[in-house]
Protein backbone atom coordinates (compact mmCIF):
# COMPACT_ATOMS: atom_id res chain seq x y z
CA MET A 1 -43.50 32.93 225.24
CA ARG A 2 -42.49 32.68 221.60
CA THR A 3 -39.93 30.04 220.77
CA VAL A 4 -38.55 31.36 217.48
CA GLY A 5 -35.16 31.54 219.15
CA ALA A 6 -35.45 27.90 220.08
CA LEU A 7 -36.25 27.03 216.49
CA ALA A 8 -33.12 28.85 215.37
CA ALA A 9 -31.11 26.98 217.97
CA LEU A 10 -32.52 23.70 216.75
CA ALA A 11 -31.13 24.65 213.38
CA ALA A 12 -27.72 25.29 214.88
CA CYS A 13 -29.55 21.56 215.99
CA HIS A 14 -26.89 15.51 211.19
CA ARG A 15 -19.53 0.35 194.11
CA ALA A 16 -21.95 -1.32 191.98
CA SER A 17 -23.13 0.52 188.93
CA GLY A 18 -26.31 0.14 186.96
CA PRO A 19 -29.49 2.09 186.52
CA ALA A 20 -32.46 1.95 188.84
CA ALA A 21 -34.99 -0.76 188.11
CA SER A 22 -37.12 -0.01 185.07
CA THR A 23 -40.22 -1.09 186.93
CA GLN A 24 -40.17 1.96 189.18
CA PRO A 25 -43.61 3.45 189.83
CA PRO A 26 -44.11 7.16 189.13
CA ALA A 27 -41.88 9.28 191.34
CA PRO A 28 -43.43 11.00 194.33
CA GLY A 29 -43.71 14.74 193.96
CA PRO A 30 -41.09 17.13 195.33
CA THR A 31 -41.28 17.83 199.03
CA THR A 32 -43.43 20.91 198.95
CA GLY A 33 -46.26 21.86 201.24
CA GLY A 34 -48.56 19.27 199.70
CA PRO A 35 -49.19 15.73 200.97
CA GLY A 36 -46.17 13.47 201.20
CA PRO A 37 -45.84 10.24 199.23
CA ALA A 38 -48.05 7.34 200.23
CA LEU A 39 -46.69 4.68 202.54
CA ALA A 40 -47.20 1.95 199.93
CA PRO A 41 -46.43 0.76 197.42
CA GLU A 42 -42.75 1.68 197.48
CA PRO A 43 -40.12 -0.03 195.34
CA VAL A 44 -37.41 -2.30 196.64
CA LEU A 45 -34.47 -0.67 194.94
CA LEU A 46 -31.59 -2.63 196.35
CA GLY A 47 -32.91 -6.10 197.04
CA GLY A 48 -31.26 -6.51 200.43
CA GLU A 49 -27.72 -7.29 199.19
CA ARG A 50 -24.57 -5.99 200.77
CA LEU A 51 -24.22 -2.43 199.68
CA ARG A 52 -21.45 -0.08 198.69
CA ILE A 53 -22.41 3.25 200.19
CA LEU A 54 -20.91 6.70 199.68
CA VAL A 55 -21.16 9.04 202.67
CA LEU A 56 -20.86 12.76 202.05
CA GLY A 57 -19.21 13.81 205.31
CA GLY A 58 -18.87 10.92 207.73
CA THR A 59 -16.53 12.15 210.46
CA GLY A 60 -18.75 14.46 212.53
CA PHE A 61 -21.44 13.18 214.89
CA LEU A 62 -23.88 11.08 212.87
CA GLY A 63 -21.31 9.96 210.28
CA PRO A 64 -19.15 7.74 212.47
CA HIS A 65 -22.19 5.94 213.84
CA LEU A 66 -23.33 5.35 210.27
CA VAL A 67 -19.95 3.91 209.30
CA GLU A 68 -19.85 1.64 212.34
CA ALA A 69 -23.39 0.41 211.63
CA MET A 70 -22.52 -0.23 207.96
CA GLN A 71 -19.54 -2.32 208.92
CA GLN A 72 -21.55 -4.27 211.50
CA ARG A 73 -24.22 -4.97 208.88
CA GLY A 74 -21.79 -6.07 206.17
CA HIS A 75 -21.86 -2.97 203.95
CA THR A 76 -18.85 -1.16 202.49
CA PRO A 77 -18.59 2.59 203.17
CA THR A 78 -16.65 5.23 201.28
CA LEU A 79 -16.22 8.69 202.79
CA PHE A 80 -16.03 11.93 200.82
CA ASN A 81 -14.96 15.01 202.73
CA ARG A 82 -12.26 17.67 203.05
CA GLY A 83 -10.19 15.65 205.49
CA LYS A 84 -10.24 18.37 208.12
CA THR A 85 -12.33 16.68 210.85
CA ARG A 86 -10.68 13.64 212.43
CA PRO A 87 -8.97 12.56 209.17
CA ASN A 88 -7.43 9.48 210.81
CA LEU A 89 -10.80 8.06 211.80
CA PHE A 90 -11.57 4.66 210.22
CA PRO A 91 -8.15 3.86 208.73
CA ASP A 92 -9.60 0.80 206.97
CA VAL A 93 -12.27 2.79 205.12
CA GLU A 94 -11.77 4.32 201.68
CA LYS A 95 -11.59 8.12 201.82
CA LEU A 96 -12.00 10.48 198.91
CA ARG A 97 -10.84 14.06 199.39
CA GLY A 98 -12.56 17.06 197.93
CA ASP A 99 -14.96 19.87 198.72
CA ARG A 100 -18.71 19.75 198.23
CA ASP A 101 -18.61 23.41 197.32
CA GLY A 102 -16.72 23.32 194.06
CA ASP A 103 -14.45 20.26 194.00
CA LEU A 104 -16.26 16.98 193.32
CA ARG A 105 -13.56 15.58 191.04
CA ALA A 106 -12.86 12.61 193.32
CA LEU A 107 -16.39 11.35 192.65
CA GLN A 108 -16.04 11.35 188.87
CA GLY A 109 -16.14 7.96 187.19
CA ARG A 110 -17.25 6.14 190.34
CA SER A 111 -20.50 4.32 191.13
CA TRP A 112 -22.10 3.16 194.36
CA ASP A 113 -25.32 1.47 195.34
CA ALA A 114 -26.38 4.46 197.39
CA VAL A 115 -25.25 7.77 198.85
CA ILE A 116 -26.00 9.21 202.29
CA ASP A 117 -25.78 12.98 202.48
CA THR A 118 -25.16 14.02 206.08
CA SER A 119 -23.69 17.45 205.38
CA GLY A 120 -26.05 19.34 203.07
CA TYR A 121 -27.33 22.78 204.07
CA VAL A 122 -27.36 24.88 200.88
CA PRO A 123 -29.45 23.84 197.84
CA ARG A 124 -26.82 24.90 195.29
CA VAL A 125 -24.21 22.66 196.89
CA VAL A 126 -26.59 19.74 197.39
CA ARG A 127 -27.85 20.04 193.82
CA ALA A 128 -24.30 19.76 192.47
CA SER A 129 -23.62 16.46 194.23
CA ALA A 130 -27.07 15.07 193.45
CA ASP A 131 -26.80 15.91 189.75
CA MET A 132 -23.33 14.37 189.50
CA LEU A 133 -24.24 11.20 191.37
CA ALA A 134 -27.71 10.62 189.89
CA PRO A 135 -26.45 8.36 187.05
CA HIS A 136 -24.11 6.49 189.38
CA VAL A 137 -26.22 5.58 192.43
CA ARG A 138 -29.56 3.90 192.80
CA GLN A 139 -30.78 5.72 195.90
CA TYR A 140 -29.93 9.02 197.59
CA VAL A 141 -30.61 9.54 201.29
CA PHE A 142 -30.64 13.16 202.39
CA VAL A 143 -30.49 13.90 206.12
CA SER A 144 -32.81 16.86 206.58
CA SER A 145 -34.47 18.16 209.77
CA ILE A 146 -37.85 18.63 211.42
CA SER A 147 -36.97 22.32 211.22
CA VAL A 148 -38.36 22.25 207.65
CA TYR A 149 -41.93 22.67 208.91
CA ALA A 150 -43.50 26.08 208.44
CA ASP A 151 -45.99 26.02 211.30
CA THR A 152 -45.23 24.33 214.60
CA THR A 153 -48.22 25.60 216.56
CA LYS A 154 -50.12 22.29 216.27
CA PRO A 155 -49.20 18.88 217.71
CA GLY A 156 -48.66 15.70 215.73
CA ILE A 157 -46.88 17.15 212.69
CA ASP A 158 -46.42 14.47 210.03
CA GLU A 159 -44.70 14.43 206.65
CA SER A 160 -47.66 16.04 204.86
CA HIS A 161 -47.31 19.25 206.88
CA PRO A 162 -46.37 22.35 204.81
CA VAL A 163 -42.68 23.21 204.74
CA ALA A 164 -41.08 26.58 205.28
CA THR A 165 -40.31 28.95 202.45
CA MET A 166 -38.06 31.99 202.25
CA PRO A 167 -38.45 35.39 200.58
CA ASP A 168 -35.33 34.91 198.46
CA PRO A 169 -34.75 31.23 197.53
CA SER A 170 -31.26 32.13 196.28
CA SER A 171 -30.13 33.18 199.76
CA GLU A 172 -27.54 30.97 201.43
CA ASP A 173 -27.85 32.55 204.86
CA VAL A 174 -28.20 29.32 206.83
CA LEU A 175 -28.89 30.45 210.39
CA PRO A 176 -32.11 32.43 209.88
CA PHE A 177 -33.37 30.19 207.05
CA TYR A 178 -32.08 26.80 208.17
CA GLY A 179 -35.43 25.00 207.85
CA ALA A 180 -36.41 26.56 204.53
CA LEU A 181 -32.98 25.82 203.05
CA LYS A 182 -33.21 22.20 204.19
CA ALA A 183 -36.60 21.97 202.47
CA LEU A 184 -35.09 23.33 199.25
CA CYS A 185 -32.24 20.82 199.56
CA GLU A 186 -34.80 18.01 199.78
CA GLN A 187 -36.47 19.28 196.63
CA ALA A 188 -33.13 19.57 194.80
CA VAL A 189 -32.32 15.92 195.51
CA GLU A 190 -35.78 14.74 194.50
CA ALA A 191 -35.51 16.68 191.24
CA ALA A 192 -32.16 15.04 190.44
CA LEU A 193 -33.27 11.51 191.40
CA PRO A 194 -37.05 11.38 191.06
CA GLY A 195 -38.47 8.34 192.82
CA ARG A 196 -35.04 7.37 194.17
CA THR A 197 -34.76 9.82 197.05
CA THR A 198 -35.20 9.30 200.79
CA ASN A 199 -35.50 12.50 202.80
CA ILE A 200 -35.14 11.87 206.53
CA ARG A 201 -36.16 14.58 208.97
CA PRO A 202 -34.67 13.88 212.41
CA GLY A 203 -35.38 15.84 215.55
CA LEU A 204 -32.76 16.43 218.24
CA ILE A 205 -30.00 13.85 217.68
CA VAL A 206 -28.42 12.74 220.95
CA GLY A 207 -26.07 10.19 222.39
CA PRO A 208 -22.37 9.38 222.56
CA GLY A 209 -20.20 11.70 220.52
CA ASP A 210 -22.57 14.68 220.49
CA PRO A 211 -20.35 17.79 220.22
CA THR A 212 -23.15 20.20 221.15
CA ASP A 213 -24.07 18.87 224.64
CA ARG A 214 -27.71 19.75 223.85
CA PHE A 215 -28.75 16.55 225.61
CA SER A 216 -25.54 15.61 227.40
CA TYR A 217 -26.05 18.54 229.77
CA TRP A 218 -28.79 16.69 231.62
CA PRO A 219 -27.08 13.31 232.25
CA VAL A 220 -23.90 15.12 233.25
CA ARG A 221 -25.56 17.71 235.47
CA VAL A 222 -27.89 15.21 237.15
CA ALA A 223 -24.97 12.85 237.79
CA GLN A 224 -23.29 15.65 239.73
CA GLY A 225 -26.18 15.55 242.20
CA GLY A 226 -27.56 18.20 244.51
CA GLU A 227 -30.38 20.58 243.74
CA VAL A 228 -31.02 20.77 239.99
CA LEU A 229 -32.97 23.54 238.28
CA ALA A 230 -35.66 21.85 236.18
CA PRO A 231 -37.74 23.70 233.59
CA GLY A 232 -41.51 24.12 233.37
CA ASP A 233 -43.71 21.21 234.33
CA PRO A 234 -42.56 17.55 234.54
CA SER A 235 -45.25 16.63 232.01
CA ASP A 236 -43.97 19.03 229.31
CA PRO A 237 -43.25 16.83 226.27
CA VAL A 238 -39.74 16.37 224.93
CA GLN A 239 -38.47 14.50 221.89
CA LEU A 240 -35.07 13.22 220.85
CA ILE A 241 -33.53 10.39 218.87
CA ASP A 242 -30.48 8.34 219.76
CA VAL A 243 -27.87 8.79 217.04
CA ARG A 244 -27.46 5.01 216.83
CA ASP A 245 -31.17 4.51 216.23
CA LEU A 246 -31.09 7.17 213.50
CA ALA A 247 -28.09 5.54 211.83
CA GLY A 248 -29.81 2.18 211.95
CA PHE A 249 -32.97 3.54 210.37
CA ILE A 250 -31.05 5.26 207.58
CA LEU A 251 -29.45 1.93 206.67
CA THR A 252 -32.81 0.18 206.91
CA THR A 253 -34.23 2.54 204.27
CA LEU A 254 -31.37 1.57 201.97
CA GLU A 255 -31.62 -2.15 202.67
CA ARG A 256 -35.37 -2.06 202.02
CA GLY A 257 -35.30 0.52 199.24
CA ALA A 258 -37.71 2.78 201.10
CA VAL A 259 -38.08 6.14 199.40
CA GLY A 260 -40.10 9.20 200.34
CA VAL A 261 -40.09 11.51 203.34
CA PHE A 262 -39.77 10.31 206.94
CA ASN A 263 -39.83 12.11 210.26
CA ALA A 264 -37.31 10.40 212.51
CA ASN A 265 -37.86 11.40 216.11
CA GLY A 266 -38.41 9.65 219.39
CA PRO A 267 -39.23 8.05 221.60
CA ALA A 268 -42.06 5.94 220.22
CA LEU A 269 -44.30 6.83 223.18
CA PRO A 270 -44.78 10.30 224.70
CA LEU A 271 -42.02 11.41 227.07
CA GLY A 272 -42.18 14.20 229.62
CA VAL A 273 -39.15 16.21 230.69
CA GLY A 274 -39.69 14.88 234.23
CA ALA A 275 -39.37 11.27 233.08
CA MET A 276 -36.26 12.21 231.12
CA LEU A 277 -34.62 13.70 234.21
CA ASP A 278 -35.73 10.72 236.31
CA ALA A 279 -33.98 8.42 233.83
CA CYS A 280 -30.79 10.48 234.19
CA LYS A 281 -30.98 10.17 237.97
CA SER A 282 -31.75 6.45 237.92
CA VAL A 283 -28.85 5.64 235.59
CA SER A 284 -26.32 7.82 237.40
CA GLY A 285 -27.46 6.84 240.89
CA SER A 286 -26.98 10.42 242.09
CA ASP A 287 -28.76 12.25 244.90
CA ALA A 288 -30.12 14.89 242.52
CA ARG A 289 -33.21 16.84 243.66
CA PHE A 290 -35.27 18.59 241.01
CA THR A 291 -36.67 22.04 241.65
CA TRP A 292 -39.27 22.83 239.00
CA ALA A 293 -39.39 26.51 238.04
CA SER A 294 -42.23 27.90 235.93
CA GLN A 295 -41.86 28.98 232.35
CA GLU A 296 -42.78 32.56 233.30
CA PHE A 297 -40.16 32.73 236.05
CA LEU A 298 -37.44 31.35 233.79
CA GLU A 299 -38.32 33.90 231.14
CA ALA A 300 -38.08 36.70 233.71
CA GLN A 301 -34.67 35.35 234.74
CA GLN A 302 -33.59 35.32 231.07
CA ILE A 303 -33.20 31.55 231.09
CA ALA A 304 -33.92 30.51 227.52
CA PRO A 305 -35.56 27.22 226.52
CA TRP A 306 -33.47 24.83 224.45
CA SER A 307 -30.13 26.61 224.91
CA ASP A 308 -30.09 27.28 228.67
CA MET A 309 -32.52 24.47 229.47
CA PRO A 310 -31.59 21.93 226.78
CA VAL A 311 -34.16 19.66 225.08
CA TRP A 312 -37.05 21.53 226.74
CA VAL A 313 -39.33 23.85 224.76
CA PRO A 314 -42.47 25.24 226.45
CA PRO A 315 -45.57 23.60 224.93
CA VAL A 316 -47.13 26.92 223.94
CA GLU A 317 -47.60 28.69 220.62
CA ASP A 318 -44.91 27.59 218.14
CA GLY A 319 -43.40 25.23 220.71
CA VAL A 320 -46.40 22.89 220.63
CA GLY A 321 -45.42 21.08 217.45
CA MET A 322 -41.67 21.08 218.03
CA THR A 323 -41.85 18.33 220.65
CA THR A 324 -44.81 16.30 219.37
CA THR A 325 -43.90 15.41 215.78
CA SER A 326 -45.22 12.10 214.46
CA SER A 327 -42.74 9.42 213.39
CA ALA A 328 -45.44 6.81 212.75
CA LYS A 329 -44.46 6.45 209.11
CA ALA A 330 -40.80 5.80 209.94
CA ILE A 331 -41.74 3.34 212.69
CA ALA A 332 -43.87 1.46 210.16
CA ARG A 333 -40.79 1.30 207.91
CA GLY A 334 -38.43 -0.02 210.58
CA LEU A 335 -37.39 2.82 212.89
CA THR A 336 -36.79 1.44 216.39
CA HIS A 337 -35.99 3.21 219.65
CA ARG A 338 -33.74 1.88 222.38
CA PRO A 339 -34.71 2.63 226.01
CA LEU A 340 -33.81 6.14 227.13
CA ALA A 341 -31.73 4.67 229.96
CA GLU A 342 -29.39 3.14 227.36
CA THR A 343 -28.90 6.54 225.75
CA VAL A 344 -28.18 8.15 229.12
CA LYS A 345 -25.72 5.39 230.09
CA ALA A 346 -23.85 5.55 226.78
CA THR A 347 -23.70 9.34 226.97
CA LEU A 348 -22.19 9.27 230.46
CA GLU A 349 -19.70 6.57 229.47
CA TRP A 350 -18.60 8.62 226.47
CA TRP A 351 -18.40 11.79 228.57
CA ALA A 352 -16.08 10.03 231.02
CA THR A 353 -13.57 9.42 228.21
CA LEU A 354 -13.21 13.10 227.33
CA PRO A 355 -10.19 15.12 228.46
CA PRO A 356 -10.58 17.27 231.58
CA GLU A 357 -10.52 20.53 229.64
CA ARG A 358 -13.50 19.35 227.55
CA GLN A 359 -15.41 18.24 230.63
CA ALA A 360 -14.72 21.52 232.39
CA LYS A 361 -17.25 23.46 230.32
CA LEU A 362 -20.49 22.12 228.91
CA ARG A 363 -21.41 23.63 225.55
CA ALA A 364 -25.10 23.88 226.37
CA GLY A 365 -27.09 24.64 229.49
CA ILE A 366 -26.13 27.01 232.29
CA THR A 367 -23.19 27.07 234.66
CA ARG A 368 -23.50 25.83 238.21
CA GLU A 369 -23.05 29.41 239.43
CA ARG A 370 -25.89 30.70 237.28
CA GLU A 371 -28.05 27.77 238.32
CA ALA A 372 -27.46 28.52 242.01
CA SER A 373 -28.39 32.17 241.47
CA VAL A 374 -31.64 31.30 239.68
CA LEU A 375 -32.54 28.70 242.30
CA ALA A 376 -32.03 31.26 245.06
CA ALA A 377 -34.32 33.70 243.27
CA TRP A 378 -36.96 30.99 242.86
CA HIS A 379 -36.87 30.05 246.54
CA GLN A 380 -37.10 33.67 247.55
CA LEU A 381 -40.15 34.08 245.35
CA GLN A 382 -41.77 30.99 246.86
CA ALA A 383 -41.07 31.94 250.46
CA PRO A 384 -44.19 33.04 252.38
CA SER A 385 -44.38 36.72 253.19
CA LYS A 386 -43.41 37.48 256.78
CA PRO A 387 -46.10 39.21 258.89
CA ALA A 388 -45.50 42.82 259.77
CA ARG A 389 -43.65 43.22 263.06
CA PRO A 390 -45.75 44.88 265.84
CA SER A 391 -44.78 48.36 266.89
CA LYS A 392 -42.64 48.58 270.01
CA ARG A 393 -43.66 52.18 270.84
CA PRO A 394 -45.48 52.51 274.19
CA ALA A 395 -49.19 53.10 274.09
CA ARG A 396 -50.30 56.69 274.60
CA ALA A 397 -51.85 57.40 278.01
CA ALA A 398 -55.58 57.92 278.04
CA ALA A 399 -56.74 61.54 278.51
CA GLY A 400 -58.04 62.29 282.06
């Protein structure tokens, strides 16, 4: 089974002035297919003081967790966005209105310690903000994606792995070229702020506030109890990162002045889909029973990995590397992972606050009706064949 569709779905899967220190070492090279920058030495750009941080975006999924973490850690956020998504969020935070695609006037004449770019998908747009802000910030954090990698057929992908390219680098068609465009965005930021850029490549971001339900499906469905369709084998690896852990790591890179490229995935130790579902059951206390259906059967039933069976990607062909990326470099620089049970608990608590109409239809996974139909087909396939019934016709009389 090829998982190109799953890769595409993952894509549809995030004021102090003054120049940077003159003692900066040579800038690491752009994020191309060559080796990433060395772990050390890396400059301390910001010295650990309280920071004034500009967030491009800030009101979607990752952004609010970033703002909350900044406030908890004593930093001062400013948000720049169009004001269309939850404009009343964070009434005590400065908000600048504009549009990344053509209207950056609100940023003119302002300086910050750092900028966090949570909403960049097209190199032209990212380049415009990076070029404008380069003289006015010391460090630029770009939130990229593990979708940048060109070849996901091998496990343990680290930051030195080649990135995807596209036949026409001027294309802005995001869905089919999501990963390649993210890679070009990384390179645009590095070109504008050489040696002052942090490119963070998260995997599946999960937790409270996730509008996609790409993880929430499992805690919610398992909490409902009963027989649950489970994909593949319990040992199939899965990876995800709690949005709060990602936000914390992003701020750690600013507080420590860590530049370069970092995969940001989790957990720290290997996790199977079975253990993930067990955590959902343990936290919810439900009577859920897992029925494990094979990859081949699910494919025949047109049950797609990732979208219909969220988080899960079969560990074959290009799915091997998608769920086994290495975040060792980020962990060495301060990335921490909370227990999965905490993520499940927080997700269920958040879900319980949503209005009934939102809870009525999950945005990922399959419906209960479709699940019941697939489970029935699986049980029918597993049922032993019944022996042929003996004939009831009377035996023919022997010839005399």
